[in-house]
Structure formats: C-alpha cells, structure tokens
Amino acid sequence: MANPMRTVSFKLSERLDDAVSDLARRRKSGRSALVREALEALVKGKRRSVTAAVDELVAPVVGPADLSTNPKHMVGYGR
C-alpha cells in the first residue's frame, strides 16, 4: 500500500518558483515530485557536488574536452 500524501503549503520567491517550474519542465516531471525529491535528499543528508548541480542548469558544451590533447592547438604555445 502506498503512503498517502499530505497537502502542504509554503511560500517561494518568484525567482525560485520560476526555477522549480523550469527544472520540472526540463526533467519532464511534476513540480510536487521535484520538491519531494529535493526535500528527501536534504532530510537524508545527500549532498551533490557543485559540478553535478551545475550540469542540470547549463547546456552541454560542444567541443574538444582538452585542447592540449590536439597538437594543432599547441602550435606557437610558449613563444
């Protein structure tokens, strides 16, 4: 049997409300599910790295991972 859900009310700034809506839309998830997931992680003490958090907010970068691995990018370096 599933745990019954309670309805809870809380206030968010307009900026945070917009961010929650945007993230839920991008994850194809509901706002309530997203807030539940975040609160469960906080209560359980789960911490994500800054990189993992930023990865959700930033579009993937297209290009070589490390320019120093391609000799043509090193031409003239140090001169």
C-alpha atoms as a PDB file:
ATOM      1  CA  MET A   1       0.000   0.000   0.000  1.00  0.00           C
ATOM      2  CA  ALA A   2       1.406   3.392  -0.991  1.00  0.00           C
ATOM      3  CA  ASN A   3       1.969   6.088   1.587  1.00  0.00           C
ATOM      4  CA  PRO A   4      -0.823   8.665   1.492  1.00  0.00           C
ATOM      5  CA  MET A   5       0.328  12.154   0.514  1.00  0.00           C
ATOM      6  CA  ARG A   6      -0.433  15.239   2.569  1.00  0.00           C
ATOM      7  CA  THR A   7      -1.023  18.608   1.001  1.00  0.00           C
ATOM      8  CA  VAL A   8       1.442  21.192   2.298  1.00  0.00           C
ATOM      9  CA  SER A   9       1.547  24.899   1.588  1.00  0.00           C
ATOM     10  CA  PHE A  10       4.674  27.064   1.585  1.00  0.00           C
ATOM     11  CA  LYS A  11       5.882  30.300   0.061  1.00  0.00           C
ATOM     12  CA  LEU A  12       8.552  30.713  -2.626  1.00  0.00           C
ATOM     13  CA  SER A  13      10.072  33.778  -4.166  1.00  0.00           C
ATOM     14  CA  GLU A  14       9.013  34.385  -7.752  1.00  0.00           C
ATOM     15  CA  ARG A  15      12.546  33.575  -8.912  1.00  0.00           C
ATOM     16  CA  LEU A  16      12.610  30.223  -7.082  1.00  0.00           C
ATOM     17  CA  ASP A  17       9.094  29.345  -8.212  1.00  0.00           C
ATOM     18  CA  ASP A  18      10.096  30.010 -11.835  1.00  0.00           C
ATOM     19  CA  ALA A  19      13.274  27.938 -11.406  1.00  0.00           C
ATOM     20  CA  VAL A  20      11.321  24.992  -9.944  1.00  0.00           C
ATOM     21  CA  SER A  21       8.817  25.152 -12.803  1.00  0.00           C
ATOM     22  CA  ASP A  22      11.579  25.335 -15.398  1.00  0.00           C
ATOM     23  CA  LEU A  23      13.539  22.429 -13.902  1.00  0.00           C
ATOM     24  CA  ALA A  24      10.400  20.286 -13.622  1.00  0.00           C
ATOM     25  CA  ARG A  25       9.581  21.007 -17.266  1.00  0.00           C
ATOM     26  CA  ARG A  26      13.115  20.105 -18.409  1.00  0.00           C
ATOM     27  CA  ARG A  27      13.060  16.872 -16.379  1.00  0.00           C
ATOM     28  CA  LYS A  28       9.552  16.089 -17.633  1.00  0.00           C
ATOM     29  CA  SER A  29       8.461  15.822 -14.015  1.00  0.00           C
ATOM     30  CA  GLY A  30       5.838  17.421 -11.836  1.00  0.00           C
ATOM     31  CA  ARG A  31       6.679  20.300  -9.518  1.00  0.00           C
ATOM     32  CA  SER A  32       5.498  18.323  -6.474  1.00  0.00           C
ATOM     33  CA  ALA A  33       7.682  15.342  -7.376  1.00  0.00           C
ATOM     34  CA  LEU A  34      10.678  17.619  -7.847  1.00  0.00           C
ATOM     35  CA  VAL A  35      10.169  19.353  -4.479  1.00  0.00           C
ATOM     36  CA  ARG A  36       9.634  15.965  -2.743  1.00  0.00           C
ATOM     37  CA  GLU A  37      12.879  14.649  -4.263  1.00  0.00           C
ATOM     38  CA  ALA A  38      14.817  17.729  -3.136  1.00  0.00           C
ATOM     39  CA  LEU A  39      13.394  17.602   0.385  1.00  0.00           C
ATOM     40  CA  GLU A  40      14.062  13.859   0.713  1.00  0.00           C
ATOM     41  CA  ALA A  41      17.688  14.416  -0.342  1.00  0.00           C
ATOM     42  CA  LEU A  42      18.027  17.243   2.181  1.00  0.00           C
ATOM     43  CA  VAL A  43      16.482  15.210   5.013  1.00  0.00           C
ATOM     44  CA  LYS A  44      18.661  12.175   4.208  1.00  0.00           C
ATOM     45  CA  GLY A  45      21.726  14.383   4.122  1.00  0.00           C
ATOM     46  CA  LYS A  46      22.537  13.604   0.500  1.00  0.00           C
ATOM     47  CA  ARG A  47      24.829  16.162  -0.994  1.00  0.00           C
ATOM     48  CA  ARG A  48      25.669  16.556  -4.636  1.00  0.00           C
ATOM     49  CA  SER A  49      28.817  18.073  -5.966  1.00  0.00           C
ATOM     50  CA  VAL A  50      28.681  21.592  -7.342  1.00  0.00           C
ATOM     51  CA  THR A  51      29.526  20.158 -10.762  1.00  0.00           C
ATOM     52  CA  ALA A  52      26.517  17.840 -10.672  1.00  0.00           C
ATOM     53  CA  ALA A  53      24.225  20.705  -9.677  1.00  0.00           C
ATOM     54  CA  VAL A  54      25.565  22.982 -12.407  1.00  0.00           C
ATOM     55  CA  ASP A  55      25.261  20.227 -15.033  1.00  0.00           C
ATOM     56  CA  GLU A  56      21.476  20.426 -14.691  1.00  0.00           C
ATOM     57  CA  LEU A  57      21.478  24.180 -15.219  1.00  0.00           C
ATOM     58  CA  VAL A  58      23.934  24.546 -18.076  1.00  0.00           C
ATOM     59  CA  ALA A  59      23.581  23.284 -21.621  1.00  0.00           C
ATOM     60  CA  PRO A  60      26.251  20.786 -22.651  1.00  0.00           C
ATOM     61  CA  VAL A  61      29.385  22.324 -24.114  1.00  0.00           C
ATOM     62  CA  VAL A  62      30.248  21.159 -27.609  1.00  0.00           C
ATOM     63  CA  GLY A  63      33.927  20.981 -28.457  1.00  0.00           C
ATOM     64  CA  PRO A  64      37.120  19.183 -27.561  1.00  0.00           C
ATOM     65  CA  ALA A  65      37.363  18.162 -23.932  1.00  0.00           C
ATOM     66  CA  ASP A  66      41.006  19.187 -23.653  1.00  0.00           C
ATOM     67  CA  LEU A  67      42.677  21.397 -26.247  1.00  0.00           C
ATOM     68  CA  SER A  68      46.127  20.256 -25.116  1.00  0.00           C
ATOM     69  CA  THR A  69      45.490  16.761 -26.497  1.00  0.00           C
ATOM     70  CA  ASN A  70      45.459  18.024 -30.074  1.00  0.00           C
ATOM     71  CA  PRO A  71      48.907  19.128 -31.315  1.00  0.00           C
ATOM     72  CA  LYS A  72      47.438  21.683 -33.746  1.00  0.00           C
ATOM     73  CA  HIS A  73      46.104  23.681 -30.775  1.00  0.00           C
ATOM     74  CA  MET A  74      49.580  23.784 -29.246  1.00  0.00           C
ATOM     75  CA  VAL A  75      51.288  25.417 -32.271  1.00  0.00           C
ATOM     76  CA  GLY A  76      53.106  28.529 -31.097  1.00  0.00           C
ATOM     77  CA  TYR A  77      52.447  27.865 -27.412  1.00  0.00           C
ATOM     78  CA  GLY A  78      55.168  29.263 -25.165  1.00  0.00           C
ATOM     79  CA  ARG A  79      56.752  31.502 -27.794  1.00  0.00           C
END
